[in-house]
ModelCIF file with pLDDT and N, C-alpha, C, O atoms, coordinates in Angstrom:
data_MODEL
#
_entry.id   MODEL 
#
_entity.id                         1 
_entity.type                       polymer 
_entity.pdbx_number_of_molecules   1 
#
_entity_poly.entity_id                      1 
_entity_poly.type                           'polypeptide(L)' 
_entity_poly.nstd_linkage                   no 
_entity_poly.nstd_monomer                   no 
_entity_poly.pdbx_seq_one_letter_code       CHRRKQKCDRELPCSNCRSRNRESACSYDPGA 
_entity_poly.pdbx_seq_one_letter_code_can   CHRRKQKCDRELPCSNCRSRNRESACSYDPGA 
_entity_poly.pdbx_strand_id                 A 
#
loop_
_entity_poly_seq.entity_id 
_entity_poly_seq.num 
_entity_poly_seq.mon_id 
_entity_poly_seq.hetero 
1 1  CYS n 
1 2  HIS n 
1 3  ARG n 
1 4  ARG n 
1 5  LYS n 
1 6  GLN n 
1 7  LYS n 
1 8  CYS n 
1 9  ASP n 
1 10 ARG n 
1 11 GLU n 
1 12 LEU n 
1 13 PRO n 
1 14 CYS n 
1 15 SER n 
1 16 ASN n 
1 17 CYS n 
1 18 ARG n 
1 19 SER n 
1 20 ARG n 
1 21 ASN n 
1 22 ARG n 
1 23 GLU n 
1 24 SER n 
1 25 ALA n 
1 26 CYS n 
1 27 SER n 
1 28 TYR n 
1 29 ASP n 
1 30 PRO n 
1 31 GLY n 
1 32 ALA n 
#
_struct_asym.id          A 
_struct_asym.entity_id   1 
#
loop_
_ma_qa_metric.id 
_ma_qa_metric.mode 
_ma_qa_metric.name 
_ma_qa_metric.software_group_id 
_ma_qa_metric.type 
1 global pLDDT . pLDDT 
2 local  pLDDT . pLDDT 
#
_ma_qa_metric_global.metric_id      1 
_ma_qa_metric_global.metric_value   78.44 
_ma_qa_metric_global.model_id       1 
_ma_qa_metric_global.ordinal_id     1 
#
loop_
_ma_qa_metric_local.label_asym_id 
_ma_qa_metric_local.label_comp_id 
_ma_qa_metric_local.label_seq_id 
_ma_qa_metric_local.metric_id 
_ma_qa_metric_local.metric_value 
_ma_qa_metric_local.model_id 
_ma_qa_metric_local.ordinal_id 
A CYS 1  2 86.00 1 1  
A HIS 2  2 84.00 1 2  
A ARG 3  2 83.00 1 3  
A ARG 4  2 82.00 1 4  
A LYS 5  2 79.00 1 5  
A GLN 6  2 83.00 1 6  
A LYS 7  2 84.00 1 7  
A CYS 8  2 87.00 1 8  
A ASP 9  2 83.00 1 9  
A ARG 10 2 80.00 1 10 
A GLU 11 2 81.00 1 11 
A LEU 12 2 80.00 1 12 
A PRO 13 2 83.00 1 13 
A CYS 14 2 85.00 1 14 
A SER 15 2 83.00 1 15 
A ASN 16 2 84.00 1 16 
A CYS 17 2 83.00 1 17 
A ARG 18 2 78.00 1 18 
A SER 19 2 75.00 1 19 
A ARG 20 2 77.00 1 20 
A ASN 21 2 72.00 1 21 
A ARG 22 2 77.00 1 22 
A GLU 23 2 75.00 1 23 
A SER 24 2 72.00 1 24 
A ALA 25 2 79.00 1 25 
A CYS 26 2 84.00 1 26 
A SER 27 2 83.00 1 27 
A TYR 28 2 80.00 1 28 
A ASP 29 2 71.00 1 29 
A PRO 30 2 64.00 1 30 
A GLY 31 2 57.00 1 31 
A ALA 32 2 56.00 1 32 
#
loop_
_atom_site.group_PDB 
_atom_site.id 
_atom_site.type_symbol 
_atom_site.label_atom_id 
_atom_site.label_alt_id 
_atom_site.label_comp_id 
_atom_site.label_asym_id 
_atom_site.label_entity_id 
_atom_site.label_seq_id 
_atom_site.pdbx_PDB_ins_code 
_atom_site.Cartn_x 
_atom_site.Cartn_y 
_atom_site.Cartn_z 
_atom_site.occupancy 
_atom_site.B_iso_or_equiv 
_atom_site.pdbx_formal_charge 
_atom_site.auth_seq_id 
_atom_site.auth_comp_id 
_atom_site.auth_asym_id 
_atom_site.auth_atom_id 
_atom_site.pdbx_PDB_model_num 
ATOM 1   N N  . CYS A 1 1  ? -7.703  40.100 -15.131 1.00 86.00 ? 1  CYS A N  1 
ATOM 2   C CA . CYS A 1 1  ? -6.901  39.596 -16.348 1.00 86.00 ? 1  CYS A CA 1 
ATOM 3   C C  . CYS A 1 1  ? -6.892  40.885 -17.163 1.00 86.00 ? 1  CYS A C  1 
ATOM 4   O O  . CYS A 1 1  ? -6.074  41.005 -18.074 1.00 86.00 ? 1  CYS A O  1 
ATOM 5   N N  . HIS A 1 2  ? -8.135  42.273 -16.759 1.00 84.00 ? 2  HIS A N  1 
ATOM 6   C CA . HIS A 1 2  ? -7.750  43.050 -17.848 1.00 84.00 ? 2  HIS A CA 1 
ATOM 7   C C  . HIS A 1 2  ? -6.908  44.170 -17.277 1.00 84.00 ? 2  HIS A C  1 
ATOM 8   O O  . HIS A 1 2  ? -6.326  45.069 -17.885 1.00 84.00 ? 2  HIS A O  1 
ATOM 9   N N  . ARG A 1 3  ? -6.993  43.820 -15.424 1.00 83.00 ? 3  ARG A N  1 
ATOM 10  C CA . ARG A 1 3  ? -5.400  44.993 -14.963 1.00 83.00 ? 3  ARG A CA 1 
ATOM 11  C C  . ARG A 1 3  ? -4.330  44.433 -15.095 1.00 83.00 ? 3  ARG A C  1 
ATOM 12  O O  . ARG A 1 3  ? -3.552  45.218 -15.637 1.00 83.00 ? 3  ARG A O  1 
ATOM 13  N N  . ARG A 1 4  ? -3.883  43.516 -14.894 1.00 82.00 ? 4  ARG A N  1 
ATOM 14  C CA . ARG A 1 4  ? -2.935  42.851 -15.889 1.00 82.00 ? 4  ARG A CA 1 
ATOM 15  C C  . ARG A 1 4  ? -2.171  41.670 -16.356 1.00 82.00 ? 4  ARG A C  1 
ATOM 16  O O  . ARG A 1 4  ? -1.390  40.777 -16.028 1.00 82.00 ? 4  ARG A O  1 
ATOM 17  N N  . LYS A 1 5  ? -3.234  42.481 -17.836 1.00 79.00 ? 5  LYS A N  1 
ATOM 18  C CA . LYS A 1 5  ? -3.387  42.640 -19.100 1.00 79.00 ? 5  LYS A CA 1 
ATOM 19  C C  . LYS A 1 5  ? -2.300  41.527 -19.678 1.00 79.00 ? 5  LYS A C  1 
ATOM 20  O O  . LYS A 1 5  ? -1.135  41.560 -20.076 1.00 79.00 ? 5  LYS A O  1 
ATOM 21  N N  . GLN A 1 6  ? -3.624  40.237 -19.449 1.00 83.00 ? 6  GLN A N  1 
ATOM 22  C CA . GLN A 1 6  ? -3.441  38.688 -19.642 1.00 83.00 ? 6  GLN A CA 1 
ATOM 23  C C  . GLN A 1 6  ? -4.447  38.450 -20.330 1.00 83.00 ? 6  GLN A C  1 
ATOM 24  O O  . GLN A 1 6  ? -5.383  39.228 -20.512 1.00 83.00 ? 6  GLN A O  1 
ATOM 25  N N  . LYS A 1 7  ? -4.314  37.184 -20.835 1.00 84.00 ? 7  LYS A N  1 
ATOM 26  C CA . LYS A 1 7  ? -5.302  36.778 -21.965 1.00 84.00 ? 7  LYS A CA 1 
ATOM 27  C C  . LYS A 1 7  ? -6.503  35.539 -20.684 1.00 84.00 ? 7  LYS A C  1 
ATOM 28  O O  . LYS A 1 7  ? -6.445  34.662 -19.822 1.00 84.00 ? 7  LYS A O  1 
ATOM 29  N N  . CYS A 1 8  ? -7.359  36.332 -21.421 1.00 87.00 ? 8  CYS A N  1 
ATOM 30  C CA . CYS A 1 8  ? -8.445  35.521 -20.804 1.00 87.00 ? 8  CYS A CA 1 
ATOM 31  C C  . CYS A 1 8  ? -8.614  34.975 -21.493 1.00 87.00 ? 8  CYS A C  1 
ATOM 32  O O  . CYS A 1 8  ? -8.157  34.993 -22.635 1.00 87.00 ? 8  CYS A O  1 
ATOM 33  N N  . ASP A 1 9  ? -10.074 33.615 -20.527 1.00 83.00 ? 9  ASP A N  1 
ATOM 34  C CA . ASP A 1 9  ? -10.707 31.499 -21.443 1.00 83.00 ? 9  ASP A CA 1 
ATOM 35  C C  . ASP A 1 9  ? -11.515 32.475 -21.037 1.00 83.00 ? 9  ASP A C  1 
ATOM 36  O O  . ASP A 1 9  ? -11.696 32.988 -22.141 1.00 83.00 ? 9  ASP A O  1 
ATOM 37  N N  . ARG A 1 10 ? -12.235 33.226 -20.193 1.00 80.00 ? 10 ARG A N  1 
ATOM 38  C CA . ARG A 1 10 ? -13.809 33.939 -20.491 1.00 80.00 ? 10 ARG A CA 1 
ATOM 39  C C  . ARG A 1 10 ? -15.036 32.985 -19.949 1.00 80.00 ? 10 ARG A C  1 
ATOM 40  O O  . ARG A 1 10 ? -16.265 32.942 -20.005 1.00 80.00 ? 10 ARG A O  1 
ATOM 41  N N  . GLU A 1 11 ? -13.307 31.826 -19.070 1.00 81.00 ? 11 GLU A N  1 
ATOM 42  C CA . GLU A 1 11 ? -14.661 30.758 -18.520 1.00 81.00 ? 11 GLU A CA 1 
ATOM 43  C C  . GLU A 1 11 ? -14.980 31.177 -16.489 1.00 81.00 ? 11 GLU A C  1 
ATOM 44  O O  . GLU A 1 11 ? -14.094 31.538 -15.714 1.00 81.00 ? 11 GLU A O  1 
ATOM 45  N N  . LEU A 1 12 ? -16.079 31.021 -16.226 1.00 80.00 ? 12 LEU A N  1 
ATOM 46  C CA . LEU A 1 12 ? -16.315 31.544 -14.211 1.00 80.00 ? 12 LEU A CA 1 
ATOM 47  C C  . LEU A 1 12 ? -15.874 30.373 -14.045 1.00 80.00 ? 12 LEU A C  1 
ATOM 48  O O  . LEU A 1 12 ? -16.255 29.317 -14.549 1.00 80.00 ? 12 LEU A O  1 
ATOM 49  N N  . PRO A 1 13 ? -14.568 30.709 -12.891 1.00 83.00 ? 13 PRO A N  1 
ATOM 50  C CA . PRO A 1 13 ? -13.256 31.525 -12.805 1.00 83.00 ? 13 PRO A CA 1 
ATOM 51  C C  . PRO A 1 13 ? -12.703 30.907 -13.788 1.00 83.00 ? 13 PRO A C  1 
ATOM 52  O O  . PRO A 1 13 ? -12.765 29.712 -14.077 1.00 83.00 ? 13 PRO A O  1 
ATOM 53  N N  . CYS A 1 14 ? -11.998 32.005 -14.446 1.00 85.00 ? 14 CYS A N  1 
ATOM 54  C CA . CYS A 1 14 ? -10.798 31.740 -15.838 1.00 85.00 ? 14 CYS A CA 1 
ATOM 55  C C  . CYS A 1 14 ? -9.521  30.464 -15.370 1.00 85.00 ? 14 CYS A C  1 
ATOM 56  O O  . CYS A 1 14 ? -9.364  29.938 -14.268 1.00 85.00 ? 14 CYS A O  1 
ATOM 57  N N  . SER A 1 15 ? -8.934  30.296 -16.341 1.00 83.00 ? 15 SER A N  1 
ATOM 58  C CA . SER A 1 15 ? -8.031  29.449 -16.047 1.00 83.00 ? 15 SER A CA 1 
ATOM 59  C C  . SER A 1 15 ? -6.393  30.637 -14.827 1.00 83.00 ? 15 SER A C  1 
ATOM 60  O O  . SER A 1 15 ? -5.728  30.241 -13.870 1.00 83.00 ? 15 SER A O  1 
ATOM 61  N N  . ASN A 1 16 ? -6.383  31.817 -15.436 1.00 84.00 ? 16 ASN A N  1 
ATOM 62  C CA . ASN A 1 16 ? -5.797  32.432 -14.588 1.00 84.00 ? 16 ASN A CA 1 
ATOM 63  C C  . ASN A 1 16 ? -5.964  32.688 -13.031 1.00 84.00 ? 16 ASN A C  1 
ATOM 64  O O  . ASN A 1 16 ? -5.155  32.909 -12.130 1.00 84.00 ? 16 ASN A O  1 
ATOM 65  N N  . CYS A 1 17 ? -6.781  32.617 -13.063 1.00 83.00 ? 17 CYS A N  1 
ATOM 66  C CA . CYS A 1 17 ? -7.595  33.266 -11.759 1.00 83.00 ? 17 CYS A CA 1 
ATOM 67  C C  . CYS A 1 17 ? -7.052  31.906 -10.870 1.00 83.00 ? 17 CYS A C  1 
ATOM 68  O O  . CYS A 1 17 ? -6.289  31.865 -9.905  1.00 83.00 ? 17 CYS A O  1 
ATOM 69  N N  . ARG A 1 18 ? -7.740  30.849 -11.574 1.00 78.00 ? 18 ARG A N  1 
ATOM 70  C CA . ARG A 1 18 ? -7.790  29.524 -10.935 1.00 78.00 ? 18 ARG A CA 1 
ATOM 71  C C  . ARG A 1 18 ? -6.211  28.933 -10.367 1.00 78.00 ? 18 ARG A C  1 
ATOM 72  O O  . ARG A 1 18 ? -5.933  28.313 -9.340  1.00 78.00 ? 18 ARG A O  1 
ATOM 73  N N  . SER A 1 19 ? -5.370  29.395 -11.461 1.00 75.00 ? 19 SER A N  1 
ATOM 74  C CA . SER A 1 19 ? -3.719  28.998 -11.319 1.00 75.00 ? 19 SER A CA 1 
ATOM 75  C C  . SER A 1 19 ? -3.437  30.104 -10.230 1.00 75.00 ? 19 SER A C  1 
ATOM 76  O O  . SER A 1 19 ? -2.491  29.768 -9.517  1.00 75.00 ? 19 SER A O  1 
ATOM 77  N N  . ARG A 1 20 ? -4.064  31.510 -9.843  1.00 77.00 ? 20 ARG A N  1 
ATOM 78  C CA . ARG A 1 20 ? -3.730  32.227 -9.170  1.00 77.00 ? 20 ARG A CA 1 
ATOM 79  C C  . ARG A 1 20 ? -4.129  32.198 -8.295  1.00 77.00 ? 20 ARG A C  1 
ATOM 80  O O  . ARG A 1 20 ? -3.710  33.127 -7.605  1.00 77.00 ? 20 ARG A O  1 
ATOM 81  N N  . ASN A 1 21 ? -5.317  31.131 -7.444  1.00 72.00 ? 21 ASN A N  1 
ATOM 82  C CA . ASN A 1 21 ? -6.039  30.884 -6.186  1.00 72.00 ? 21 ASN A CA 1 
ATOM 83  C C  . ASN A 1 21 ? -6.713  32.420 -6.003  1.00 72.00 ? 21 ASN A C  1 
ATOM 84  O O  . ASN A 1 21 ? -6.622  33.037 -4.941  1.00 72.00 ? 21 ASN A O  1 
ATOM 85  N N  . ARG A 1 22 ? -7.470  32.999 -7.315  1.00 77.00 ? 22 ARG A N  1 
ATOM 86  C CA . ARG A 1 22 ? -7.771  33.893 -7.381  1.00 77.00 ? 22 ARG A CA 1 
ATOM 87  C C  . ARG A 1 22 ? -9.258  34.057 -8.052  1.00 77.00 ? 22 ARG A C  1 
ATOM 88  O O  . ARG A 1 22 ? -9.831  34.988 -8.618  1.00 77.00 ? 22 ARG A O  1 
ATOM 89  N N  . GLU A 1 23 ? -9.537  32.989 -7.787  1.00 75.00 ? 23 GLU A N  1 
ATOM 90  C CA . GLU A 1 23 ? -11.000 32.166 -7.906  1.00 75.00 ? 23 GLU A CA 1 
ATOM 91  C C  . GLU A 1 23 ? -12.331 33.480 -7.506  1.00 75.00 ? 23 GLU A C  1 
ATOM 92  O O  . GLU A 1 23 ? -12.751 33.998 -8.541  1.00 75.00 ? 23 GLU A O  1 
ATOM 93  N N  . SER A 1 24 ? -12.532 33.649 -7.109  1.00 72.00 ? 24 SER A N  1 
ATOM 94  C CA . SER A 1 24 ? -13.176 35.118 -5.544  1.00 72.00 ? 24 SER A CA 1 
ATOM 95  C C  . SER A 1 24 ? -13.481 35.569 -6.313  1.00 72.00 ? 24 SER A C  1 
ATOM 96  O O  . SER A 1 24 ? -14.573 35.418 -6.861  1.00 72.00 ? 24 SER A O  1 
ATOM 97  N N  . ALA A 1 25 ? -12.432 36.434 -6.684  1.00 79.00 ? 25 ALA A N  1 
ATOM 98  C CA . ALA A 1 25 ? -12.236 38.146 -7.718  1.00 79.00 ? 25 ALA A CA 1 
ATOM 99  C C  . ALA A 1 25 ? -12.228 37.288 -9.022  1.00 79.00 ? 25 ALA A C  1 
ATOM 100 O O  . ALA A 1 25 ? -11.100 37.577 -9.421  1.00 79.00 ? 25 ALA A O  1 
ATOM 101 N N  . CYS A 1 26 ? -12.650 36.564 -9.804  1.00 84.00 ? 26 CYS A N  1 
ATOM 102 C CA . CYS A 1 26 ? -13.140 36.328 -10.487 1.00 84.00 ? 26 CYS A CA 1 
ATOM 103 C C  . CYS A 1 26 ? -14.321 37.231 -11.503 1.00 84.00 ? 26 CYS A C  1 
ATOM 104 O O  . CYS A 1 26 ? -15.256 36.434 -11.572 1.00 84.00 ? 26 CYS A O  1 
ATOM 105 N N  . SER A 1 27 ? -14.650 38.258 -12.164 1.00 83.00 ? 27 SER A N  1 
ATOM 106 C CA . SER A 1 27 ? -16.331 38.479 -12.974 1.00 83.00 ? 27 SER A CA 1 
ATOM 107 C C  . SER A 1 27 ? -15.767 40.121 -13.669 1.00 83.00 ? 27 SER A C  1 
ATOM 108 O O  . SER A 1 27 ? -14.932 41.024 -13.611 1.00 83.00 ? 27 SER A O  1 
ATOM 109 N N  . TYR A 1 28 ? -17.026 39.580 -14.340 1.00 80.00 ? 28 TYR A N  1 
ATOM 110 C CA . TYR A 1 28 ? -16.855 40.255 -15.733 1.00 80.00 ? 28 TYR A CA 1 
ATOM 111 C C  . TYR A 1 28 ? -17.876 41.989 -15.775 1.00 80.00 ? 28 TYR A C  1 
ATOM 112 O O  . TYR A 1 28 ? -18.920 42.267 -15.184 1.00 80.00 ? 28 TYR A O  1 
ATOM 113 N N  . ASP A 1 29 ? -17.509 42.359 -16.182 1.00 71.00 ? 29 ASP A N  1 
ATOM 114 C CA . ASP A 1 29 ? -18.261 43.680 -16.578 1.00 71.00 ? 29 ASP A CA 1 
ATOM 115 C C  . ASP A 1 29 ? -19.809 43.515 -17.110 1.00 71.00 ? 29 ASP A C  1 
ATOM 116 O O  . ASP A 1 29 ? -20.229 42.721 -17.952 1.00 71.00 ? 29 ASP A O  1 
ATOM 117 N N  . PRO A 1 30 ? -20.358 44.275 -16.535 1.00 64.00 ? 30 PRO A N  1 
ATOM 118 C CA . PRO A 1 30 ? -21.694 43.406 -16.955 1.00 64.00 ? 30 PRO A CA 1 
ATOM 119 C C  . PRO A 1 30 ? -22.312 43.631 -19.050 1.00 64.00 ? 30 PRO A C  1 
ATOM 120 O O  . PRO A 1 30 ? -21.993 44.568 -19.782 1.00 64.00 ? 30 PRO A O  1 
ATOM 121 N N  . GLY A 1 31 ? -22.976 42.727 -19.329 1.00 57.00 ? 31 GLY A N  1 
ATOM 122 C CA . GLY A 1 31 ? -22.811 43.313 -21.381 1.00 57.00 ? 31 GLY A CA 1 
ATOM 123 C C  . GLY A 1 31 ? -21.525 42.878 -21.854 1.00 57.00 ? 31 GLY A C  1 
ATOM 124 O O  . GLY A 1 31 ? -21.550 43.000 -23.079 1.00 57.00 ? 31 GLY A O  1 
ATOM 125 N N  . ALA A 1 32 ? -20.359 42.408 -21.460 1.00 56.00 ? 32 ALA A N  1 
ATOM 126 C CA . ALA A 1 32 ? -19.738 41.619 -21.903 1.00 56.00 ? 32 ALA A CA 1 
ATOM 127 C C  . ALA A 1 32 ? -19.750 40.662 -22.725 1.00 56.00 ? 32 ALA A C  1 
ATOM 128 O O  . ALA A 1 32 ? -18.731 39.998 -22.915 1.00 56.00 ? 32 ALA A O  1 
#
């Protein structure tokens, strides 16, 4: 979401990644 400048709901995986079938690529920076 950060790369695509999209809003993220902070779930794991987030809704945007689920809708794009990119669940495996959904990850967060440590400490966020």
